[in-house]
Amino acid sequence: MQATNELILEHQDIELMLEILKTVSTRLLDGGAVPPEHIEGILDFLTVFVDKCHHGKEEKYLFRAMEAAGVDHITGHIGVLIYEHEQGRIHIARIKKGLAGTSGVPDMAEVQAAAADYVELMVQHITTENTDVFPVADRMLDAGAVAKLCENFEKLEREMIGAEKHEEFHALLDTLQDLYLK
C-alpha cells in the first residue's frame, strides 16, 4: 500500500467533517441549537485529527521525503501546502474566538465566516494533494521510502492520538453525520 493511500482515506473523513461543520455553522448563525459537546467534538477533530495527526504526517514525513527525492519546495506545492496548513490553524483559532465571543456572548457571524473560510481552504487543499501532490509522491518514492513513511505514520498516529481516540473520532463522525447530514 502506498503511504498516500492512508492520507487519501483520511481526506475522506476530513471532507465528511467539513460538510458537518458547514451545516453546524449555518445552524448556529440562523440561531439554531447545537449541543456544546458537538461543537467541542468538531473542534477536537479539526485540531487533533486534521492538524496534529494528518498534517503532522505530511509536514514531518511525506513532504520531507518528497524533498529528499528531489521535489522542489516551491514548484512541488510543498511550500504552499504548509502555508495552507498554517492558514487552517488561523481559521480554527477564529472559530474558537468567535465561540468565546465578547463578554461571553458568542459571535456566530464570525464563527460561520471562519468556518466557511476553513471549509473553502481545505476543500481546495485536499484536491491539490489528491490530484497533484500524492501522485508525484507515488511516482518518486521508492519502496524503502514508502515503508519508512508507513512506519512513521503509524508511530505519529499512536503518539499523537492513540488507537482509542482514533476510534472515538470515527464514532463522532458517524454520530454527527446521522444528526446533521441526513
Protein backbone atom coordinates (compact mmCIF):
# COMPACT_ATOMS: atom_id res chain seq x y z
CA MET A 1 0.00 0.00 0.00
CA GLN A 2 1.26 3.45 -0.85
CA ALA A 3 1.60 5.77 2.13
CA THR A 4 -0.53 8.30 0.28
CA ASN A 5 -3.48 5.87 0.30
CA GLU A 6 -3.72 6.34 4.06
CA LEU A 7 -3.74 10.11 3.63
CA ILE A 8 -6.44 9.89 0.95
CA LEU A 9 -8.61 7.81 3.28
CA GLU A 10 -8.11 10.43 5.99
CA HIS A 11 -9.13 13.08 3.46
CA GLN A 12 -12.48 11.31 3.10
CA ASP A 13 -13.07 11.60 6.85
CA ILE A 14 -11.95 15.24 6.79
CA GLU A 15 -14.30 16.04 3.90
CA LEU A 16 -17.18 14.50 5.84
CA MET A 17 -16.36 16.65 8.87
CA LEU A 18 -16.16 19.72 6.62
CA GLU A 19 -19.73 19.05 5.46
CA ILE A 20 -20.82 18.67 9.08
CA LEU A 21 -19.01 21.91 10.00
CA LYS A 22 -20.81 23.80 7.21
CA THR A 23 -24.19 22.56 8.41
CA VAL A 24 -23.47 23.24 12.08
CA SER A 25 -22.07 26.73 11.50
CA THR A 26 -25.07 27.68 9.35
CA ARG A 27 -27.43 26.34 12.02
CA LEU A 28 -25.64 28.41 14.67
CA LEU A 29 -25.77 31.55 12.52
CA ASP A 30 -29.51 31.02 11.99
CA GLY A 31 -29.99 30.86 15.76
CA GLY A 32 -30.41 27.11 15.91
CA ALA A 33 -29.22 24.99 18.78
CA VAL A 34 -26.19 22.74 18.61
CA PRO A 35 -25.14 20.87 21.74
CA PRO A 36 -21.82 22.19 23.06
CA GLU A 37 -20.37 18.68 23.05
CA HIS A 38 -20.92 18.50 19.28
CA ILE A 39 -19.05 21.76 18.76
CA GLU A 40 -16.28 20.61 21.09
CA GLY A 41 -16.08 17.30 19.22
CA ILE A 42 -15.81 19.03 15.85
CA LEU A 43 -13.07 21.35 17.10
CA ASP A 44 -11.23 18.43 18.71
CA PHE A 45 -11.38 16.53 15.41
CA LEU A 46 -10.10 19.53 13.46
CA THR A 47 -7.34 20.27 15.96
CA VAL A 48 -6.17 16.75 16.78
CA PHE A 49 -7.10 14.52 13.84
CA VAL A 50 -6.70 17.01 10.99
CA ASP A 51 -3.92 19.26 12.21
CA LYS A 52 -1.78 17.29 14.64
CA CYS A 53 -2.17 13.85 13.08
CA HIS A 54 -2.92 14.26 9.36
CA HIS A 55 -0.99 17.45 8.74
CA GLY A 56 1.73 16.17 11.05
CA LYS A 57 2.19 13.12 8.82
CA GLU A 58 2.50 15.36 5.80
CA GLU A 59 4.78 18.02 7.30
CA LYS A 60 7.06 15.77 9.35
CA TYR A 61 7.36 12.88 6.95
CA LEU A 62 5.76 12.99 3.49
CA PHE A 63 6.90 16.43 2.38
CA ARG A 64 10.41 15.85 3.71
CA ALA A 65 10.63 12.51 1.91
CA MET A 66 9.46 14.15 -1.30
CA GLU A 67 12.07 16.89 -0.99
CA ALA A 68 14.75 14.28 -0.31
CA ALA A 69 13.62 12.54 -3.52
CA GLY A 70 14.08 15.77 -5.49
CA VAL A 71 10.73 17.58 -5.32
CA ASP A 72 11.27 21.33 -5.13
CA HIS A 73 9.76 23.01 -2.06
CA ILE A 74 8.08 25.70 -4.16
CA THR A 75 7.28 24.21 -7.58
CA GLY A 76 6.29 20.91 -5.97
CA HIS A 77 3.49 22.62 -3.99
CA ILE A 78 5.06 21.78 -0.61
CA GLY A 79 5.62 25.38 0.48
CA VAL A 80 2.07 26.31 -0.48
CA LEU A 81 0.60 23.31 1.30
CA ILE A 82 2.46 24.11 4.52
CA TYR A 83 1.25 27.71 4.25
CA GLU A 84 -2.31 26.43 3.84
CA HIS A 85 -1.91 24.27 6.95
CA GLU A 86 -0.94 27.45 8.81
CA GLN A 87 -3.95 29.29 7.39
CA GLY A 88 -6.19 26.45 8.53
CA ARG A 89 -4.85 26.86 12.07
CA ILE A 90 -5.72 30.56 11.90
CA HIS A 91 -9.30 29.79 10.79
CA ILE A 92 -9.75 27.26 13.62
CA ALA A 93 -8.49 29.87 16.11
CA ARG A 94 -11.05 32.31 14.65
CA ILE A 95 -13.83 29.76 15.17
CA LYS A 96 -12.78 29.26 18.79
CA LYS A 97 -12.51 33.00 19.37
CA GLY A 98 -15.94 33.57 17.82
CA LEU A 99 -17.45 30.90 20.06
CA ALA A 100 -15.85 32.52 23.11
CA GLY A 101 -17.21 35.86 21.95
CA THR A 102 -17.02 39.18 23.69
CA SER A 103 -18.08 39.25 27.33
CA GLY A 104 -19.20 35.64 26.99
CA VAL A 105 -21.56 36.34 24.07
CA PRO A 106 -20.58 34.21 21.06
CA ASP A 107 -20.16 35.92 17.70
CA MET A 108 -21.99 33.48 15.46
CA ALA A 109 -21.38 35.55 12.33
CA GLU A 110 -17.62 35.24 12.93
CA VAL A 111 -17.95 31.53 13.67
CA GLN A 112 -19.82 30.99 10.41
CA ALA A 113 -17.41 33.16 8.39
CA ALA A 114 -14.34 31.43 9.84
CA ALA A 115 -15.91 28.01 9.28
CA ALA A 116 -16.72 28.91 5.67
CA ASP A 117 -13.16 30.14 5.11
CA TYR A 118 -11.76 26.96 6.63
CA VAL A 119 -14.00 24.70 4.55
CA GLU A 120 -13.16 26.53 1.33
CA LEU A 121 -9.44 26.35 2.06
CA MET A 122 -9.49 22.68 3.00
CA VAL A 123 -11.60 21.54 0.03
CA GLN A 124 -9.15 23.17 -2.39
CA HIS A 125 -6.19 21.92 -0.35
CA ILE A 126 -7.39 18.32 -0.40
CA THR A 127 -7.99 18.49 -4.14
CA THR A 128 -4.43 19.73 -4.73
CA GLU A 129 -2.96 16.99 -2.59
CA ASN A 130 -5.06 14.19 -4.08
CA THR A 131 -4.65 15.21 -7.72
CA ASP A 132 -1.24 16.88 -7.89
CA VAL A 133 0.96 16.06 -4.90
CA PHE A 134 0.22 12.47 -3.94
CA PRO A 135 0.59 11.10 -7.48
CA VAL A 136 4.05 12.73 -7.63
CA ALA A 137 4.96 11.15 -4.29
CA ASP A 138 3.75 7.75 -5.52
CA ARG A 139 5.96 8.00 -8.61
CA MET A 140 9.06 9.39 -6.90
CA LEU A 141 9.31 7.49 -3.63
CA ASP A 142 10.91 4.07 -3.74
CA ALA A 143 9.67 1.06 -1.76
CA GLY A 144 12.06 1.75 1.11
CA ALA A 145 10.89 5.34 1.48
CA VAL A 146 7.25 4.26 1.35
CA ALA A 147 7.81 1.59 4.01
CA LYS A 148 9.52 4.16 6.24
CA LEU A 149 6.63 6.61 5.70
CA CYS A 150 4.08 3.97 6.68
CA GLU A 151 6.10 3.16 9.79
CA ASN A 152 6.41 6.84 10.73
CA PHE A 153 2.71 7.49 10.05
CA GLU A 154 1.75 4.67 12.39
CA LYS A 155 4.14 5.92 15.08
CA LEU A 156 2.88 9.51 14.81
CA GLU A 157 -0.74 8.40 14.98
CA ARG A 158 -0.06 6.22 18.01
CA GLU A 159 1.78 9.04 19.78
CA MET A 160 -0.49 11.91 18.74
CA ILE A 161 -3.93 10.42 19.21
CA GLY A 162 -3.79 6.75 20.17
CA ALA A 163 -5.98 3.91 18.93
CA GLU A 164 -8.86 4.69 21.29
CA LYS A 165 -9.06 8.33 20.28
CA HIS A 166 -8.94 7.37 16.60
CA GLU A 167 -11.97 5.12 17.14
CA GLU A 168 -13.71 7.91 19.09
CA PHE A 169 -13.24 10.22 16.10
CA HIS A 170 -14.83 7.67 13.77
CA ALA A 171 -17.76 7.23 16.17
CA LEU A 172 -18.10 11.03 16.37
CA LEU A 173 -18.18 11.27 12.58
CA ASP A 174 -20.90 8.61 12.40
CA THR A 175 -22.99 10.31 15.09
CA LEU A 176 -22.66 13.81 13.66
CA GLN A 177 -23.31 12.60 10.11
CA ASP A 178 -26.56 10.97 11.24
CA LEU A 179 -27.63 14.13 13.11
CA TYR A 180 -26.61 16.85 10.66
CA LEU A 181 -26.37 15.39 7.16
CA LYS A 182 -29.34 13.04 6.85
